[in-house]
N, C-alpha and C. Protein backbone atom coordinates (compact mmCIF):
# COMPACT_ATOMS: atom_id res chain seq x y z
N MET A 1 16.27 41.96 -34.55
CA MET A 1 16.86 40.77 -33.94
C MET A 1 15.81 40.13 -33.03
N PRO A 2 15.51 38.84 -33.25
CA PRO A 2 14.49 38.19 -32.43
C PRO A 2 14.96 38.00 -30.99
N VAL A 3 13.99 38.04 -30.10
CA VAL A 3 14.28 37.82 -28.68
C VAL A 3 14.12 36.34 -28.39
N THR A 4 15.10 35.75 -27.73
CA THR A 4 15.06 34.33 -27.40
C THR A 4 14.33 34.13 -26.08
N ASP A 5 13.39 33.20 -26.07
CA ASP A 5 12.71 32.82 -24.83
C ASP A 5 13.57 31.74 -24.18
N TRP A 6 14.45 32.18 -23.26
CA TRP A 6 15.43 31.27 -22.65
C TRP A 6 14.76 30.15 -21.87
N ASN A 7 13.66 30.44 -21.19
CA ASN A 7 12.97 29.39 -20.43
C ASN A 7 12.43 28.31 -21.35
N LYS A 8 11.84 28.73 -22.46
CA LYS A 8 11.32 27.76 -23.43
C LYS A 8 12.46 26.94 -24.02
N LEU A 9 13.56 27.60 -24.38
CA LEU A 9 14.71 26.89 -24.94
C LEU A 9 15.27 25.89 -23.93
N ASP A 10 15.40 26.30 -22.67
CA ASP A 10 15.88 25.37 -21.63
C ASP A 10 14.94 24.17 -21.49
N ASP A 11 13.63 24.41 -21.51
CA ASP A 11 12.67 23.30 -21.40
C ASP A 11 12.81 22.34 -22.57
N GLU A 12 12.96 22.88 -23.78
CA GLU A 12 13.11 22.03 -24.96
C GLU A 12 14.41 21.24 -24.91
N ARG A 13 15.48 21.91 -24.48
CA ARG A 13 16.77 21.21 -24.38
C ARG A 13 16.74 20.15 -23.29
N ARG A 14 16.09 20.44 -22.16
CA ARG A 14 15.98 19.44 -21.09
C ARG A 14 15.24 18.20 -21.59
N ALA A 15 14.15 18.40 -22.31
CA ALA A 15 13.38 17.27 -22.85
C ALA A 15 14.24 16.46 -23.83
N ALA A 16 14.98 17.15 -24.69
CA ALA A 16 15.84 16.47 -25.66
C ALA A 16 16.98 15.73 -24.95
N ALA A 17 17.59 16.36 -23.96
CA ALA A 17 18.67 15.71 -23.21
C ALA A 17 18.15 14.47 -22.48
N ASP A 18 16.97 14.57 -21.89
CA ASP A 18 16.37 13.42 -21.21
C ASP A 18 16.11 12.27 -22.18
N ARG A 19 15.64 12.59 -23.39
CA ARG A 19 15.42 11.54 -24.40
C ARG A 19 16.74 10.87 -24.78
N GLU A 20 17.78 11.69 -24.98
CA GLU A 20 19.10 11.12 -25.32
C GLU A 20 19.60 10.22 -24.20
N TRP A 21 19.42 10.64 -22.95
CA TRP A 21 19.84 9.84 -21.80
C TRP A 21 19.11 8.50 -21.79
N GLU A 22 17.81 8.54 -22.00
CA GLU A 22 17.00 7.31 -21.96
C GLU A 22 17.39 6.33 -23.06
N ASN A 23 17.84 6.84 -24.19
CA ASN A 23 18.13 5.99 -25.34
C ASN A 23 19.61 5.61 -25.50
N TYR A 24 20.48 6.21 -24.72
CA TYR A 24 21.92 5.97 -24.89
C TYR A 24 22.27 4.55 -24.43
N ASP A 25 23.12 3.89 -25.18
CA ASP A 25 23.56 2.53 -24.86
C ASP A 25 24.98 2.58 -24.30
N PHE A 26 25.10 2.37 -23.00
CA PHE A 26 26.40 2.43 -22.32
C PHE A 26 27.16 1.11 -22.36
N THR A 27 26.61 0.08 -22.97
CA THR A 27 27.22 -1.25 -22.98
C THR A 27 28.71 -1.15 -23.32
N PRO A 28 29.57 -1.78 -22.55
CA PRO A 28 29.35 -2.77 -21.52
C PRO A 28 29.20 -2.19 -20.10
N TRP A 29 29.20 -0.88 -19.97
CA TRP A 29 29.07 -0.25 -18.66
C TRP A 29 27.61 -0.21 -18.22
N GLU A 30 27.41 -0.26 -16.90
CA GLU A 30 26.06 -0.23 -16.35
C GLU A 30 25.91 0.96 -15.40
N PRO A 31 25.12 1.96 -15.79
CA PRO A 31 24.90 3.09 -14.89
C PRO A 31 24.14 2.63 -13.64
N GLU A 32 24.61 3.05 -12.49
CA GLU A 32 23.92 2.72 -11.24
C GLU A 32 23.13 3.92 -10.72
N ASP A 33 23.66 5.11 -10.95
CA ASP A 33 23.02 6.31 -10.44
C ASP A 33 23.48 7.51 -11.28
N THR A 34 22.77 8.59 -11.15
CA THR A 34 23.12 9.82 -11.84
C THR A 34 22.66 11.01 -11.02
N SER A 35 23.06 12.17 -11.46
CA SER A 35 22.63 13.40 -10.81
C SER A 35 22.02 14.30 -11.88
N GLY A 36 21.60 15.50 -11.49
CA GLY A 36 20.91 16.41 -12.41
C GLY A 36 21.80 17.01 -13.47
N TRP A 37 21.15 17.68 -14.41
CA TRP A 37 21.84 18.32 -15.52
C TRP A 37 22.55 19.59 -15.07
N SER A 38 23.70 19.82 -15.66
CA SER A 38 24.44 21.05 -15.47
C SER A 38 24.60 21.68 -16.86
N HIS A 39 24.37 22.99 -16.96
CA HIS A 39 24.48 23.64 -18.26
C HIS A 39 24.56 25.14 -18.09
N GLU A 40 24.98 25.79 -19.16
CA GLU A 40 24.95 27.24 -19.24
C GLU A 40 24.13 27.62 -20.45
N THR A 41 23.26 28.58 -20.28
CA THR A 41 22.43 29.03 -21.39
C THR A 41 23.09 30.25 -22.01
N GLY A 42 23.16 30.26 -23.33
CA GLY A 42 23.76 31.39 -24.03
C GLY A 42 23.53 31.27 -25.52
N ALA A 43 24.11 32.16 -26.28
CA ALA A 43 23.85 32.22 -27.71
C ALA A 43 24.60 31.16 -28.51
N GLY A 44 25.70 30.65 -28.01
CA GLY A 44 26.48 29.66 -28.77
C GLY A 44 26.00 28.24 -28.52
N GLU A 45 26.80 27.28 -28.99
CA GLU A 45 26.50 25.89 -28.68
C GLU A 45 26.45 25.72 -27.18
N SER A 46 25.66 24.78 -26.73
CA SER A 46 25.49 24.58 -25.29
C SER A 46 25.65 23.11 -24.95
N ASP A 47 26.50 22.81 -23.98
CA ASP A 47 26.66 21.44 -23.48
C ASP A 47 25.83 21.26 -22.22
N TRP A 48 25.03 20.22 -22.22
CA TRP A 48 24.31 19.80 -21.02
C TRP A 48 25.00 18.52 -20.56
N SER A 49 25.44 18.49 -19.31
CA SER A 49 26.15 17.31 -18.82
C SER A 49 25.60 16.90 -17.46
N ARG A 50 25.81 15.63 -17.16
CA ARG A 50 25.42 15.11 -15.85
C ARG A 50 26.42 14.03 -15.45
N PRO A 51 26.72 13.98 -14.14
CA PRO A 51 27.58 12.90 -13.68
C PRO A 51 26.80 11.58 -13.70
N VAL A 52 27.52 10.53 -14.02
CA VAL A 52 26.94 9.18 -14.04
C VAL A 52 27.85 8.29 -13.23
N TYR A 53 27.26 7.46 -12.38
CA TYR A 53 28.02 6.56 -11.53
C TYR A 53 27.79 5.14 -12.01
N PHE A 54 28.87 4.51 -12.46
CA PHE A 54 28.80 3.19 -13.08
C PHE A 54 29.24 2.09 -12.12
N VAL A 55 28.61 0.93 -12.28
CA VAL A 55 29.04 -0.27 -11.56
C VAL A 55 30.44 -0.61 -12.06
N ASN A 56 31.34 -0.94 -11.14
CA ASN A 56 32.68 -1.36 -11.52
C ASN A 56 32.58 -2.76 -12.14
N PRO A 57 32.89 -2.91 -13.43
CA PRO A 57 32.71 -4.21 -14.07
C PRO A 57 33.68 -5.28 -13.57
N HIS A 58 34.78 -4.85 -12.97
CA HIS A 58 35.76 -5.81 -12.46
C HIS A 58 35.47 -6.23 -11.03
N ASP A 59 34.71 -5.40 -10.32
CA ASP A 59 34.36 -5.69 -8.93
C ASP A 59 33.04 -4.99 -8.59
N PRO A 60 31.91 -5.65 -8.88
CA PRO A 60 30.61 -5.03 -8.67
C PRO A 60 30.34 -4.59 -7.23
N GLU A 61 31.09 -5.13 -6.27
CA GLU A 61 30.91 -4.75 -4.86
C GLU A 61 31.72 -3.50 -4.51
N ALA A 62 32.64 -3.10 -5.37
CA ALA A 62 33.50 -1.93 -5.12
C ALA A 62 32.70 -0.65 -5.32
N ASN A 63 33.31 0.46 -4.98
CA ASN A 63 32.69 1.76 -5.21
C ASN A 63 32.41 1.95 -6.70
N THR A 64 31.42 2.78 -6.99
CA THR A 64 31.10 3.06 -8.38
C THR A 64 32.21 3.90 -9.01
N ILE A 65 32.21 3.92 -10.34
CA ILE A 65 33.18 4.69 -11.10
C ILE A 65 32.42 5.88 -11.71
N GLU A 66 32.95 7.09 -11.49
CA GLU A 66 32.26 8.28 -11.99
C GLU A 66 32.62 8.56 -13.44
N GLY A 67 31.61 8.87 -14.21
CA GLY A 67 31.77 9.29 -15.59
C GLY A 67 30.84 10.46 -15.85
N HIS A 68 30.71 10.83 -17.11
CA HIS A 68 29.82 11.93 -17.47
C HIS A 68 29.08 11.60 -18.76
N PHE A 69 27.91 12.18 -18.86
CA PHE A 69 27.09 12.07 -20.06
C PHE A 69 26.86 13.48 -20.56
N VAL A 70 27.12 13.73 -21.84
CA VAL A 70 27.05 15.08 -22.39
C VAL A 70 26.17 15.10 -23.64
N VAL A 71 25.30 16.11 -23.68
CA VAL A 71 24.48 16.38 -24.87
C VAL A 71 24.83 17.79 -25.32
N ARG A 72 25.26 17.94 -26.57
CA ARG A 72 25.61 19.26 -27.11
C ARG A 72 24.52 19.71 -28.08
N PHE A 73 24.10 20.98 -27.88
CA PHE A 73 23.04 21.56 -28.70
C PHE A 73 23.59 22.63 -29.63
N ALA A 74 22.94 22.78 -30.79
CA ALA A 74 23.28 23.84 -31.73
C ALA A 74 22.94 25.19 -31.10
N SER A 75 23.55 26.21 -31.61
CA SER A 75 23.34 27.56 -31.13
C SER A 75 21.87 27.95 -31.20
N LEU A 76 21.35 28.46 -30.08
CA LEU A 76 19.97 28.95 -29.97
C LEU A 76 18.93 27.94 -30.44
N SER A 77 19.20 26.65 -30.18
CA SER A 77 18.33 25.59 -30.69
C SER A 77 18.31 24.41 -29.73
N SER A 78 17.29 23.58 -29.87
CA SER A 78 17.26 22.32 -29.13
C SER A 78 17.70 21.17 -30.03
N GLU A 79 18.31 21.51 -31.18
CA GLU A 79 18.85 20.50 -32.09
C GLU A 79 20.11 19.89 -31.47
N VAL A 80 20.11 18.57 -31.31
CA VAL A 80 21.25 17.87 -30.74
C VAL A 80 22.31 17.70 -31.83
N VAL A 81 23.54 18.14 -31.53
CA VAL A 81 24.63 18.00 -32.51
C VAL A 81 25.66 16.96 -32.09
N ASP A 82 25.67 16.58 -30.81
CA ASP A 82 26.61 15.55 -30.35
C ASP A 82 26.12 14.98 -29.03
N VAL A 83 26.41 13.71 -28.81
CA VAL A 83 26.06 13.02 -27.57
C VAL A 83 27.17 12.04 -27.27
N TYR A 84 27.62 12.01 -26.01
CA TYR A 84 28.62 11.02 -25.67
C TYR A 84 28.63 10.75 -24.16
N GLY A 85 29.08 9.54 -23.83
CA GLY A 85 29.37 9.18 -22.45
C GLY A 85 30.88 9.10 -22.33
N ARG A 86 31.39 9.41 -21.14
CA ARG A 86 32.84 9.43 -20.97
C ARG A 86 33.20 8.98 -19.55
N ILE A 87 34.21 8.12 -19.48
CA ILE A 87 34.79 7.68 -18.21
C ILE A 87 36.29 7.86 -18.32
N ASN A 88 36.87 8.58 -17.37
CA ASN A 88 38.32 8.81 -17.37
C ASN A 88 38.84 9.31 -18.72
N GLY A 89 38.10 10.20 -19.36
CA GLY A 89 38.53 10.78 -20.62
C GLY A 89 38.31 9.90 -21.84
N GLU A 90 37.76 8.71 -21.65
CA GLU A 90 37.52 7.78 -22.77
C GLU A 90 36.04 7.73 -23.08
N ASP A 91 35.69 7.81 -24.36
CA ASP A 91 34.29 7.67 -24.76
C ASP A 91 33.80 6.26 -24.48
N VAL A 92 32.56 6.17 -24.00
CA VAL A 92 31.94 4.87 -23.75
C VAL A 92 30.54 4.87 -24.34
N GLY A 93 30.10 3.70 -24.77
CA GLY A 93 28.75 3.54 -25.26
C GLY A 93 28.54 4.17 -26.63
N LEU A 94 27.26 4.25 -27.02
CA LEU A 94 26.93 4.84 -28.30
C LEU A 94 25.52 5.39 -28.29
N ARG A 95 25.34 6.38 -29.13
CA ARG A 95 24.04 7.03 -29.27
C ARG A 95 23.12 6.14 -30.09
N VAL A 96 21.91 5.95 -29.61
CA VAL A 96 20.90 5.18 -30.32
C VAL A 96 19.86 6.17 -30.81
N THR A 97 19.59 6.17 -32.11
CA THR A 97 18.59 7.09 -32.67
C THR A 97 17.43 6.30 -33.24
N ASP A 98 16.34 7.01 -33.45
CA ASP A 98 15.17 6.41 -34.04
C ASP A 98 15.16 6.53 -35.56
N ALA A 99 16.24 7.06 -36.10
CA ALA A 99 16.31 7.27 -37.55
C ALA A 99 16.26 5.94 -38.29
N PRO A 100 15.49 5.88 -39.37
CA PRO A 100 15.44 4.62 -40.13
C PRO A 100 16.80 4.32 -40.77
N ARG A 101 17.10 3.07 -40.86
CA ARG A 101 18.36 2.66 -41.47
C ARG A 101 18.15 2.36 -42.95
N PRO A 102 19.14 2.71 -43.77
CA PRO A 102 18.99 2.46 -45.23
C PRO A 102 18.98 0.98 -45.55
């Protein structure tokens, strides 16, 4: 049974999660601020999430609205299997990939 280098896996997942964050399209929501990644390392699928604070589209001067951004990885891998933004339990935005379109 191979030994997993957890530090290397975490570094690879952090880099992949950061790329997903940079490329995600939250339209029509506008992120104003965020915090660091939260995750658990283990043998199964792993969710990396971070709180995101959005400008209130109905009142930009009001307090921000908290949501979350989640990147899910395959078991023991930095392969991304799902990405989503969520506010109040509702999905927002869409994942933008570099994959060529047919």
